[in-house]
Amino acid sequence: MDRTLFILVTSVILMVAFTLGWLSHWLLHRFARVPGGQMDETDQLAQSLHEAEEARDQAILYLEHREAELESQISQIEAELRATMDGLRAARTENEEMRAWIEKANDAS
């Protein structure tokens, strides 16, 4: 194989490789490309998702705040109930003592 034929064959091989590379690049971008209309829809979906996540975060914060508030109210009510039960127990004890004293006074008379 002489020098000219070698250069010619090498040039043809390189040209075919370049053409195949360019064609595969073009096909890849042609089929993988997202049309403009779908990009707008994708942006809208992303914005809606972002807004939904913010709304979810706000709802979680509200629920946590409300839960803490309700737990505080429950603990206050339980403390009031305990105080009321202690007062009722003391009143019952005093009532029993008064009955016992009245019965003793009636029996002594």
PDB file of N, CA and C in Angstrom:
ATOM      1  N   MET A   1       0.867  -1.154   0.000  1.00  0.00           N
ATOM      2  CA  MET A   1       0.000   0.000   0.000  1.00  0.00           C
ATOM      3  C   MET A   1       0.919   1.222   0.000  1.00  0.00           C
ATOM      4  N   ASP A   2       0.734   2.063  -0.998  1.00  0.00           N
ATOM      5  CA  ASP A   2       1.603   3.234  -1.075  1.00  0.00           C
ATOM      6  C   ASP A   2       1.066   4.361  -0.203  1.00  0.00           C
ATOM      7  N   ARG A   3       1.806   5.390  -0.090  1.00  0.00           N
ATOM      8  CA  ARG A   3       1.533   6.470   0.836  1.00  0.00           C
ATOM      9  C   ARG A   3       0.236   7.193   0.497  1.00  0.00           C
ATOM     10  N   THR A   4      -0.064   7.474  -0.724  1.00  0.00           N
ATOM     11  CA  THR A   4      -1.259   8.195  -1.138  1.00  0.00           C
ATOM     12  C   THR A   4      -2.514   7.392  -0.818  1.00  0.00           C
ATOM     13  N   LEU A   5      -2.496   6.109  -1.119  1.00  0.00           N
ATOM     14  CA  LEU A   5      -3.640   5.250  -0.831  1.00  0.00           C
ATOM     15  C   LEU A   5      -3.881   5.165   0.683  1.00  0.00           C
ATOM     16  N   PHE A   6      -2.815   5.101   1.477  1.00  0.00           N
ATOM     17  CA  PHE A   6      -2.933   5.052   2.931  1.00  0.00           C
ATOM     18  C   PHE A   6      -3.590   6.331   3.469  1.00  0.00           C
ATOM     19  N   ILE A   7      -3.178   7.474   2.956  1.00  0.00           N
ATOM     20  CA  ILE A   7      -3.743   8.752   3.384  1.00  0.00           C
ATOM     21  C   ILE A   7      -5.210   8.827   2.986  1.00  0.00           C
ATOM     22  N   LEU A   8      -5.523   8.389   1.764  1.00  0.00           N
ATOM     23  CA  LEU A   8      -6.897   8.407   1.282  1.00  0.00           C
ATOM     24  C   LEU A   8      -7.798   7.488   2.122  1.00  0.00           C
ATOM     25  N   VAL A   9      -7.371   6.283   2.424  1.00  0.00           N
ATOM     26  CA  VAL A   9      -8.149   5.341   3.221  1.00  0.00           C
ATOM     27  C   VAL A   9      -8.324   5.882   4.649  1.00  0.00           C
ATOM     28  N   THR A  10      -7.276   6.429   5.210  1.00  0.00           N
ATOM     29  CA  THR A  10      -7.355   7.005   6.547  1.00  0.00           C
ATOM     30  C   THR A  10      -8.323   8.192   6.569  1.00  0.00           C
ATOM     31  N   SER A  11      -8.280   9.037   5.546  1.00  0.00           N
ATOM     32  CA  SER A  11      -9.187  10.190   5.466  1.00  0.00           C
ATOM     33  C   SER A  11     -10.635   9.735   5.363  1.00  0.00           C
ATOM     34  N   VAL A  12     -10.903   8.716   4.550  1.00  0.00           N
ATOM     35  CA  VAL A  12     -12.260   8.206   4.397  1.00  0.00           C
ATOM     36  C   VAL A  12     -12.750   7.613   5.725  1.00  0.00           C
ATOM     37  N   ILE A  13     -11.905   6.853   6.411  1.00  0.00           N
ATOM     38  CA  ILE A  13     -12.287   6.258   7.693  1.00  0.00           C
ATOM     39  C   ILE A  13     -12.588   7.343   8.715  1.00  0.00           C
ATOM     40  N   LEU A  14     -11.755   8.371   8.775  1.00  0.00           N
ATOM     41  CA  LEU A  14     -11.987   9.470   9.715  1.00  0.00           C
ATOM     42  C   LEU A  14     -13.255  10.239   9.364  1.00  0.00           C
ATOM     43  N   MET A  15     -13.502  10.439   8.067  1.00  0.00           N
ATOM     44  CA  MET A  15     -14.714  11.147   7.641  1.00  0.00           C
ATOM     45  C   MET A  15     -15.962  10.336   7.988  1.00  0.00           C
ATOM     46  N   VAL A  16     -15.929   9.030   7.805  1.00  0.00           N
ATOM     47  CA  VAL A  16     -17.059   8.173   8.152  1.00  0.00           C
ATOM     48  C   VAL A  16     -17.271   8.188   9.672  1.00  0.00           C
ATOM     49  N   ALA A  17     -16.189   8.138  10.438  1.00  0.00           N
ATOM     50  CA  ALA A  17     -16.310   8.171  11.897  1.00  0.00           C
ATOM     51  C   ALA A  17     -16.902   9.507  12.356  1.00  0.00           C
ATOM     52  N   PHE A  18     -16.434  10.602  11.756  1.00  0.00           N
ATOM     53  CA  PHE A  18     -16.977  11.917  12.095  1.00  0.00           C
ATOM     54  C   PHE A  18     -18.455  12.009  11.753  1.00  0.00           C
ATOM     55  N   THR A  19     -18.825  11.523  10.578  1.00  0.00           N
ATOM     56  CA  THR A  19     -20.224  11.573  10.145  1.00  0.00           C
ATOM     57  C   THR A  19     -21.104  10.724  11.049  1.00  0.00           C
ATOM     58  N   LEU A  20     -20.662   9.533  11.414  1.00  0.00           N
ATOM     59  CA  LEU A  20     -21.438   8.682  12.314  1.00  0.00           C
ATOM     60  C   LEU A  20     -21.570   9.322  13.702  1.00  0.00           C
ATOM     61  N   GLY A  21     -20.517   9.944  14.198  1.00  0.00           N
ATOM     62  CA  GLY A  21     -20.568  10.621  15.485  1.00  0.00           C
ATOM     63  C   GLY A  21     -21.535  11.802  15.467  1.00  0.00           C
ATOM     64  N   TRP A  22     -21.450  12.592  14.387  1.00  0.00           N
ATOM     65  CA  TRP A  22     -22.346  13.749  14.272  1.00  0.00           C
ATOM     66  C   TRP A  22     -23.802  13.291  14.161  1.00  0.00           C
ATOM     67  N   LEU A  23     -24.041  12.260  13.358  1.00  0.00           N
ATOM     68  CA  LEU A  23     -25.393  11.739  13.182  1.00  0.00           C
ATOM     69  C   LEU A  23     -25.950  11.185  14.498  1.00  0.00           C
ATOM     70  N   SER A  24     -25.136  10.438  15.227  1.00  0.00           N
ATOM     71  CA  SER A  24     -25.619   9.890  16.501  1.00  0.00           C
ATOM     72  C   SER A  24     -25.870  11.022  17.505  1.00  0.00           C
ATOM     73  N   HIS A  25     -25.034  12.052  17.498  1.00  0.00           N
ATOM     74  CA  HIS A  25     -25.254  13.202  18.376  1.00  0.00           C
ATOM     75  C   HIS A  25     -26.569  13.904  18.022  1.00  0.00           C
ATOM     76  N   TRP A  26     -26.804  14.112  16.747  1.00  0.00           N
ATOM     77  CA  TRP A  26     -28.030  14.779  16.293  1.00  0.00           C
ATOM     78  C   TRP A  26     -29.269  13.959  16.659  1.00  0.00           C
ATOM     79  N   LEU A  27     -29.205  12.647  16.431  1.00  0.00           N
ATOM     80  CA  LEU A  27     -30.339  11.791  16.768  1.00  0.00           C
ATOM     81  C   LEU A  27     -30.616  11.777  18.271  1.00  0.00           C
ATOM     82  N   LEU A  28     -29.545  11.722  19.044  1.00  0.00           N
ATOM     83  CA  LEU A  28     -29.704  11.713  20.491  1.00  0.00           C
ATOM     84  C   LEU A  28     -30.403  12.989  20.970  1.00  0.00           C
ATOM     85  N   HIS A  29     -29.970  14.128  20.491  1.00  0.00           N
ATOM     86  CA  HIS A  29     -30.587  15.381  20.901  1.00  0.00           C
ATOM     87  C   HIS A  29     -31.972  15.570  20.295  1.00  0.00           C
ATOM     88  N   ARG A  30     -32.199  15.013  19.167  1.00  0.00           N
ATOM     89  CA  ARG A  30     -33.507  15.129  18.517  1.00  0.00           C
ATOM     90  C   ARG A  30     -34.581  14.382  19.314  1.00  0.00           C
ATOM     91  N   PHE A  31     -34.255  13.184  19.779  1.00  0.00           N
ATOM     92  CA  PHE A  31     -35.239  12.373  20.490  1.00  0.00           C
ATOM     93  C   PHE A  31     -35.260  12.651  21.991  1.00  0.00           C
ATOM     94  N   ALA A  32     -34.174  13.142  22.543  1.00  0.00           N
ATOM     95  CA  ALA A  32     -34.121  13.405  23.976  1.00  0.00           C
ATOM     96  C   ALA A  32     -34.573  14.821  24.309  1.00  0.00           C
ATOM     97  N   ARG A  33     -34.764  15.653  23.336  1.00  0.00           N
ATOM     98  CA  ARG A  33     -35.130  17.050  23.567  1.00  0.00           C
ATOM     99  C   ARG A  33     -36.572  17.143  24.045  1.00  0.00           C
ATOM    100  N   VAL A  34     -36.810  18.041  25.020  1.00  0.00           N
ATOM    101  CA  VAL A  34     -38.155  18.276  25.516  1.00  0.00           C
ATOM    102  C   VAL A  34     -38.707  19.478  24.780  1.00  0.00           C
ATOM    103  N   PRO A  35     -39.862  19.338  24.138  1.00  0.00           N
ATOM    104  CA  PRO A  35     -40.435  20.482  23.427  1.00  0.00           C
ATOM    105  C   PRO A  35     -40.749  21.636  24.377  1.00  0.00           C
ATOM    106  N   GLY A  36     -40.817  22.841  23.852  1.00  0.00           N
ATOM    107  CA  GLY A  36     -41.025  24.042  24.655  1.00  0.00           C
ATOM    108  C   GLY A  36     -42.313  24.015  25.450  1.00  0.00           C
ATOM    109  N   GLY A  37     -43.382  23.506  24.889  1.00  0.00           N
ATOM    110  CA  GLY A  37     -44.658  23.437  25.594  1.00  0.00           C
ATOM    111  C   GLY A  37     -44.589  22.565  26.821  1.00  0.00           C
ATOM    112  N   GLN A  38     -43.850  21.494  26.736  1.00  0.00           N
ATOM    113  CA  GLN A  38     -43.716  20.605  27.887  1.00  0.00           C
ATOM    114  C   GLN A  38     -42.844  21.229  28.968  1.00  0.00           C
ATOM    115  N   MET A  39     -41.907  22.087  28.601  1.00  0.00           N
ATOM    116  CA  MET A  39     -41.085  22.761  29.599  1.00  0.00           C
ATOM    117  C   MET A  39     -41.938  23.712  30.431  1.00  0.00           C
ATOM    118  N   ASP A  40     -42.875  24.420  29.783  1.00  0.00           N
ATOM    119  CA  ASP A  40     -43.761  25.307  30.531  1.00  0.00           C
ATOM    120  C   ASP A  40     -44.612  24.500  31.509  1.00  0.00           C
ATOM    121  N   GLU A  41     -45.118  23.387  31.054  1.00  0.00           N
ATOM    122  CA  GLU A  41     -45.926  22.520  31.914  1.00  0.00           C
ATOM    123  C   GLU A  41     -45.085  21.975  33.070  1.00  0.00           C
ATOM    124  N   THR A  42     -43.844  21.615  32.770  1.00  0.00           N
ATOM    125  CA  THR A  42     -42.941  21.121  33.805  1.00  0.00           C
ATOM    126  C   THR A  42     -42.657  22.212  34.833  1.00  0.00           C
ATOM    127  N   ASP A  43     -42.443  23.438  34.373  1.00  0.00           N
ATOM    128  CA  ASP A  43     -42.223  24.552  35.296  1.00  0.00           C
ATOM    129  C   ASP A  43     -43.453  24.791  36.168  1.00  0.00           C
ATOM    130  N   GLN A  44     -44.634  24.696  35.586  1.00  0.00           N
ATOM    131  CA  GLN A  44     -45.862  24.878  36.354  1.00  0.00           C
ATOM    132  C   GLN A  44     -46.027  23.774  37.396  1.00  0.00           C
ATOM    133  N   LEU A  45     -45.714  22.549  37.002  1.00  0.00           N
ATOM    134  CA  LEU A  45     -45.802  21.431  37.943  1.00  0.00           C
ATOM    135  C   LEU A  45     -44.791  21.606  39.082  1.00  0.00           C
ATOM    136  N   ALA A  46     -43.591  22.065  38.755  1.00  0.00           N
ATOM    137  CA  ALA A  46     -42.583  22.291  39.786  1.00  0.00           C
ATOM    138  C   ALA A  46     -43.043  23.385  40.746  1.00  0.00           C
ATOM    139  N   GLN A  47     -43.621  24.452  40.205  1.00  0.00           N
ATOM    140  CA  GLN A  47     -44.130  25.532  41.055  1.00  0.00           C
ATOM    141  C   GLN A  47     -45.269  25.031  41.943  1.00  0.00           C
ATOM    142  N   SER A  48     -46.167  24.252  41.383  1.00  0.00           N
ATOM    143  CA  SER A  48     -47.278  23.701  42.169  1.00  0.00           C
ATOM    144  C   SER A  48     -46.759  22.780  43.277  1.00  0.00           C
ATOM    145  N   LEU A  49     -45.768  21.974  42.952  1.00  0.00           N
ATOM    146  CA  LEU A  49     -45.168  21.090  43.950  1.00  0.00           C
ATOM    147  C   LEU A  49     -44.527  21.907  45.068  1.00  0.00           C
ATOM    148  N   HIS A  50     -43.824  22.965  44.700  1.00  0.00           N
ATOM    149  CA  HIS A  50     -43.194  23.827  45.704  1.00  0.00           C
ATOM    150  C   HIS A  50     -44.247  24.458  46.616  1.00  0.00           C
ATOM    151  N   GLU A  51     -45.331  24.952  46.040  1.00  0.00           N
ATOM    152  CA  GLU A  51     -46.404  25.549  46.831  1.00  0.00           C
ATOM    153  C   GLU A  51     -47.058  24.512  47.743  1.00  0.00           C
ATOM    154  N   ALA A  52     -47.244  23.300  47.225  1.00  0.00           N
ATOM    155  CA  ALA A  52     -47.840  22.234  48.042  1.00  0.00           C
ATOM    156  C   ALA A  52     -46.927  21.868  49.213  1.00  0.00           C
ATOM    157  N   GLU A  53     -45.624  21.836  48.978  1.00  0.00           N
ATOM    158  CA  GLU A  53     -44.690  21.535  50.061  1.00  0.00           C
ATOM    159  C   GLU A  53     -44.713  22.631  51.117  1.00  0.00           C
ATOM    160  N   GLU A  54     -44.800  23.892  50.688  1.00  0.00           N
ATOM    161  CA  GLU A  54     -44.881  24.997  51.650  1.00  0.00           C
ATOM    162  C   GLU A  54     -46.175  24.904  52.465  1.00  0.00           C
ATOM    163  N   ALA A  55     -47.271  24.589  51.797  1.00  0.00           N
ATOM    164  CA  ALA A  55     -48.549  24.452  52.497  1.00  0.00           C
ATOM    165  C   ALA A  55     -48.484  23.298  53.499  1.00  0.00           C
ATOM    166  N   ARG A  56     -47.849  22.205  53.108  1.00  0.00           N
ATOM    167  CA  ARG A  56     -47.696  21.060  54.009  1.00  0.00           C
ATOM    168  C   ARG A  56     -46.861  21.444  55.226  1.00  0.00           C
ATOM    169  N   ASP A  57     -45.760  22.167  54.998  1.00  0.00           N
ATOM    170  CA  ASP A  57     -44.912  22.593  56.109  1.00  0.00           C
ATOM    171  C   ASP A  57     -45.668  23.519  57.062  1.00  0.00           C
ATOM    172  N   GLN A  58     -46.470  24.432  56.509  1.00  0.00           N
ATOM    173  CA  GLN A  58     -47.264  25.328  57.349  1.00  0.00           C
ATOM    174  C   GLN A  58     -48.302  24.538  58.141  1.00  0.00           C
ATOM    175  N   ALA A  59     -48.919  23.553  57.506  1.00  0.00           N
ATOM    176  CA  ALA A  59     -49.915  22.733  58.197  1.00  0.00           C
ATOM    177  C   ALA A  59     -49.262  21.937  59.328  1.00  0.00           C
ATOM    178  N   ILE A  60     -48.080  21.416  59.094  1.00  0.00           N
ATOM    179  CA  ILE A  60     -47.368  20.666  60.131  1.00  0.00           C
ATOM    180  C   ILE A  60     -47.040  21.584  61.304  1.00  0.00           C
ATOM    181  N   LEU A  61     -46.556  22.801  60.998  1.00  0.00           N
ATOM    182  CA  LEU A  61     -46.254  23.748  62.077  1.00  0.00           C
ATOM    183  C   LEU A  61     -47.511  24.107  62.864  1.00  0.00           C
ATOM    184  N   TYR A  62     -48.624  24.324  62.160  1.00  0.00           N
ATOM    185  CA  TYR A  62     -49.875  24.653  62.833  1.00  0.00           C
ATOM    186  C   TYR A  62     -50.317  23.500  63.732  1.00  0.00           C
ATOM    187  N   LEU A  63     -50.227  22.273  63.211  1.00  0.00           N
ATOM    188  CA  LEU A  63     -50.641  21.113  64.003  1.00  0.00           C
ATOM    189  C   LEU A  63     -49.755  20.927  65.233  1.00  0.00           C
ATOM    190  N   GLU A  64     -48.444  21.146  65.073  1.00  0.00           N
ATOM    191  CA  GLU A  64     -47.555  21.022  66.217  1.00  0.00           C
ATOM    192  C   GLU A  64     -47.883  22.077  67.264  1.00  0.00           C
ATOM    193  N   HIS A  65     -48.141  23.313  66.816  1.00  0.00           N
ATOM    194  CA  HIS A  65     -48.500  24.395  67.741  1.00  0.00           C
ATOM    195  C   HIS A  65     -49.815  24.074  68.441  1.00  0.00           C
ATOM    196  N   ARG A  66     -50.781  23.621  67.677  1.00  0.00           N
ATOM    197  CA  ARG A  66     -52.104  23.293  68.240  1.00  0.00           C
ATOM    198  C   ARG A  66     -52.000  22.131  69.218  1.00  0.00           C
ATOM    199  N   GLU A  67     -51.178  21.136  68.883  1.00  0.00           N
ATOM    200  CA  GLU A  67     -51.001  19.988  69.775  1.00  0.00           C
ATOM    201  C   GLU A  67     -50.373  20.427  71.097  1.00  0.00           C
ATOM    202  N   ALA A  68     -49.375  21.294  71.038  1.00  0.00           N
ATOM    203  CA  ALA A  68     -48.745  21.790  72.261  1.00  0.00           C
ATOM    204  C   ALA A  68     -49.749  22.587  73.089  1.00  0.00           C
ATOM    205  N   GLU A  69     -50.560  23.377  72.413  1.00  0.00           N
ATOM    206  CA  GLU A  69     -51.583  24.166  73.106  1.00  0.00           C
ATOM    207  C   GLU A  69     -52.595  23.256  73.798  1.00  0.00           C
ATOM    208  N   LEU A  70     -53.051  22.221  73.088  1.00  0.00           N
ATOM    209  CA  LEU A  70     -54.025  21.292  73.667  1.00  0.00           C
ATOM    210  C   LEU A  70     -53.429  20.493  74.824  1.00  0.00           C
ATOM    211  N   GLU A  71     -52.167  20.097  74.689  1.00  0.00           N
ATOM    212  CA  GLU A  71     -51.516  19.374  75.787  1.00  0.00           C
ATOM    213  C   GLU A  71     -51.410  20.265  77.019  1.00  0.00           C
ATOM    214  N   SER A  72     -51.140  21.546  76.799  1.00  0.00           N
ATOM    215  CA  SER A  72     -51.088  22.495  77.920  1.00  0.00           C
ATOM    216  C   SER A  72     -52.459  22.605  78.585  1.00  0.00           C
ATOM    217  N   GLN A  73     -53.507  22.696  77.775  1.00  0.00           N
ATOM    218  CA  GLN A  73     -54.862  22.770  78.326  1.00  0.00           C
ATOM    219  C   GLN A  73     -55.210  21.498  79.084  1.00  0.00           C
ATOM    220  N   ILE A  74     -54.820  20.358  78.554  1.00  0.00           N
ATOM    221  CA  ILE A  74     -55.098  19.083  79.230  1.00  0.00           C
ATOM    222  C   ILE A  74     -54.400  19.037  80.576  1.00  0.00           C
ATOM    223  N   SER A  75     -53.145  19.459  80.609  1.00  0.00           N
ATOM    224  CA  SER A  75     -52.430  19.421  81.889  1.00  0.00           C
ATOM    225  C   SER A  75     -53.063  20.390  82.889  1.00  0.00           C
ATOM    226  N   GLN A  76     -53.538  21.553  82.431  1.00  0.00           N
ATOM    227  CA  GLN A  76     -54.221  22.484  83.327  1.00  0.00           C
ATOM    228  C   GLN A  76     -55.525  21.879  83.849  1.00  0.00           C
ATOM    229  N   ILE A  77     -56.277  21.268  82.967  1.00  0.00           N
ATOM    230  CA  ILE A  77     -57.548  20.655  83.365  1.00  0.00           C
ATOM    231  C   ILE A  77     -57.309  19.506  84.331  1.00  0.00           C
ATOM    232  N   GLU A  78     -56.258  18.701  84.079  1.00  0.00           N
ATOM    233  CA  GLU A  78     -55.947  17.605  84.997  1.00  0.00           C
ATOM    234  C   GLU A  78     -55.545  18.144  86.365  1.00  0.00           C
ATOM    235  N   ALA A  79     -54.801  19.243  86.402  1.00  0.00           N
ATOM    236  CA  ALA A  79     -54.423  19.843  87.685  1.00  0.00           C
ATOM    237  C   ALA A  79     -55.668  20.357  88.410  1.00  0.00           C
ATOM    238  N   GLU A  80     -56.573  20.993  87.676  1.00  0.00           N
ATOM    239  CA  GLU A  80     -57.820  21.457  88.285  1.00  0.00           C
ATOM    240  C   GLU A  80     -58.653  20.286  88.794  1.00  0.00           C
ATOM    241  N   LEU A  81     -58.688  19.195  88.026  1.00  0.00           N
ATOM    242  CA  LEU A  81     -59.429  18.009  88.446  1.00  0.00           C
ATOM    243  C   LEU A  81     -58.851  17.424  89.729  1.00  0.00           C
ATOM    244  N   ARG A  82     -57.513  17.340  89.790  1.00  0.00           N
ATOM    245  CA  ARG A  82     -56.888  16.822  91.004  1.00  0.00           C
ATOM    246  C   ARG A  82     -57.224  17.712  92.202  1.00  0.00           C
ATOM    247  N   ALA A  83     -57.165  19.029  91.992  1.00  0.00           N
ATOM    248  CA  ALA A  83     -57.490  19.952  93.095  1.00  0.00           C
ATOM    249  C   ALA A  83     -58.950  19.795  93.510  1.00  0.00           C
ATOM    250  N   THR A  84     -59.830  19.654  92.537  1.00  0.00           N
ATOM    251  CA  THR A  84     -61.251  19.470  92.833  1.00  0.00           C
ATOM    252  C   THR A  84     -61.484  18.157  93.562  1.00  0.00           C
ATOM    253  N   MET A  85     -60.844  17.096  93.118  1.00  0.00           N
ATOM    254  CA  MET A  85     -60.993  15.796  93.772  1.00  0.00           C
ATOM    255  C   MET A  85     -60.454  15.848  95.206  1.00  0.00           C
ATOM    256  N   ASP A  86     -59.331  16.541  95.419  1.00  0.00           N
ATOM    257  CA  ASP A  86     -58.798  16.682  96.773  1.00  0.00           C
ATOM    258  C   ASP A  86     -59.777  17.467  97.651  1.00  0.00           C
ATOM    259  N   GLY A  87     -60.357  18.543  97.076  1.00  0.00           N
ATOM    260  CA  GLY A  87     -61.343  19.324  97.826  1.00  0.00           C
ATOM    261  C   GLY A  87     -62.575  18.504  98.144  1.00  0.00           C
ATOM    262  N   LEU A  88     -63.034  17.708  97.179  1.00  0.00           N
ATOM    263  CA  LEU A  88     -64.202  16.854  97.400  1.00  0.00           C
ATOM    264  C   LEU A  88     -63.905  15.803  98.464  1.00  0.00           C
ATOM    265  N   ARG A  89     -62.723  15.229  98.406  1.00  0.00           N
ATOM    266  CA  ARG A  89     -62.335  14.226  99.397  1.00  0.00           C
ATOM    267  C   ARG A  89     -62.297  14.861 100.792  1.00  0.00           C
ATOM    268  N   ALA A  90     -61.742  16.076 100.878  1.00  0.00           N
ATOM    269  CA  ALA A  90     -61.705  16.769 102.176  1.00  0.00           C
ATOM    270  C   ALA A  90     -63.118  17.090 102.659  1.00  0.00           C
ATOM    271  N   ALA A  91     -64.005  17.503 101.724  1.00  0.00           N
ATOM    272  CA  ALA A  91     -65.389  17.821 102.093  1.00  0.00           C
ATOM    273  C   ALA A  91     -66.112  16.563 102.556  1.00  0.00           C
ATOM    274  N   ARG A  92     -65.878  15.438 101.898  1.00  0.00           N
ATOM    275  CA  ARG A  92     -66.517  14.188 102.310  1.00  0.00           C
ATOM    276  C   ARG A  92     -66.024  13.766 103.696  1.00  0.00           C
ATOM    277  N   THR A  93     -64.736  13.907 103.897  1.00  0.00           N
ATOM    278  CA  THR A  93     -64.176  13.555 105.212  1.00  0.00           C
ATOM    279  C   THR A  93     -64.784  14.439 106.294  1.00  0.00           C
ATOM    280  N   GLU A  94     -64.856  15.728 106.004  1.00  0.00           N
ATOM    281  CA  GLU A  94     -65.456  16.666 106.967  1.00  0.00           C
ATOM    282  C   GLU A  94     -66.921  16.335 107.183  1.00  0.00           C
ATOM    283  N   ASN A  95     -67.633  15.972 106.106  1.00  0.00           N
ATOM    284  CA  ASN A  95     -69.040  15.591 106.193  1.00  0.00           C
ATOM    285  C   ASN A  95     -69.202  14.364 107.081  1.00  0.00           C
ATOM    286  N   GLU A  96     -68.349  13.354 106.874  1.00  0.00           N
ATOM    287  CA  GLU A  96     -68.411  12.148 107.706  1.00  0.00           C
ATOM    288  C   GLU A  96     -68.129  12.480 109.165  1.00  0.00           C
ATOM    289  N   GLU A  97     -67.177  13.358 109.416  1.00  0.00           N
ATOM    290  CA  GLU A  97     -66.859  13.751 110.788  1.00  0.00           C
ATOM    291  C   GLU A  97     -68.040  14.492 111.424  1.00  0.00           C
ATOM    292  N   MET A  98     -68.663  15.384 110.614  1.00  0.00           N
ATOM    293  CA  MET A  98     -69.818  16.121 111.133  1.00  0.00           C
ATOM    294  C   MET A  98     -70.972  15.163 111.439  1.00  0.00           C
ATOM    295  N   ARG A  99     -71.222  14.182 110.572  1.00  0.00           N
ATOM    296  CA  ARG A  99     -72.291  13.201 110.819  1.00  0.00           C
ATOM    297  C   ARG A  99     -72.006  12.411 112.090  1.00  0.00           C
ATOM    298  N   ALA A 100     -70.743  12.006 112.199  1.00  0.00           N
ATOM    299  CA  ALA A 100     -70.352  11.247 113.389  1.00  0.00           C
ATOM    300  C   ALA A 100     -70.557  12.099 114.639  1.00  0.00           C
ATOM    301  N   TRP A 101     -70.178  13.357 114.590  1.00  0.00           N
ATOM    302  CA  TRP A 101     -70.341  14.254 115.743  1.00  0.00           C
ATOM    303  C   TRP A 101     -71.803  14.493 116.069  1.00  0.00           C
ATOM    304  N   ILE A 102     -72.639  14.684 114.978  1.00  0.00           N
ATOM    305  CA  ILE A 102     -74.084  14.885 115.190  1.00  0.00           C
ATOM    306  C   ILE A 102     -74.714  13.625 115.773  1.00  0.00           C
ATOM    307  N   GLU A 103     -74.337  12.456 115.283  1.00  0.00           N
ATOM    308  CA  GLU A 103     -74.880  11.213 115.804  1.00  0.00           C
ATOM    309  C   GLU A 103     -74.468  11.020 117.270  1.00  0.00           C
ATOM    310  N   LYS A 104     -73.239  11.390 117.605  1.00  0.00           N
ATOM    311  CA  LYS A 104     -72.787  11.285 119.007  1.00  0.00           C
ATOM    312  C   LYS A 104     -73.579  12.253 119.877  1.00  0.00           C
ATOM    313  N   ALA A 105     -73.799  13.463 119.329  1.00  0.00           N
ATOM    314  CA  ALA A 105     -74.543  14.459 120.111  1.00  0.00           C
ATOM    315  C   ALA A 105     -75.991  13.996 120.293  1.00  0.00           C
ATOM    316  N   ASN A 106     -76.590  13.387 119.268  1.00  0.00           N
ATOM    317  CA  ASN A 106     -77.960  12.896 119.393  1.00  0.00           C
ATOM    318  C   ASN A 106     -78.044  11.705 120.325  1.00  0.00           C
ATOM    319  N   ASP A 107     -77.022  10.838 120.285  1.00  0.00           N
ATOM    320  CA  ASP A 107     -77.026   9.670 121.156  1.00  0.00           C
ATOM    321  C   ASP A 107     -76.803  10.078 122.616  1.00  0.00           C
ATOM    322  N   ALA A 108     -76.037  11.106 122.819  1.00  0.00           N
ATOM    323  CA  ALA A 108     -75.739  11.569 124.191  1.00  0.00           C
ATOM    324  C   ALA A 108     -76.949  12.270 124.793  1.00  0.00           C
ATOM    325  N   SER A 109     -77.836  12.827 124.001  1.00  0.00           N
ATOM    326  CA  SER A 109     -78.963  13.562 124.549  1.00  0.00           C
ATOM    327  C   SER A 109     -80.050  12.690 125.059  1.00  0.00           C
TER     328      SER A 109
END
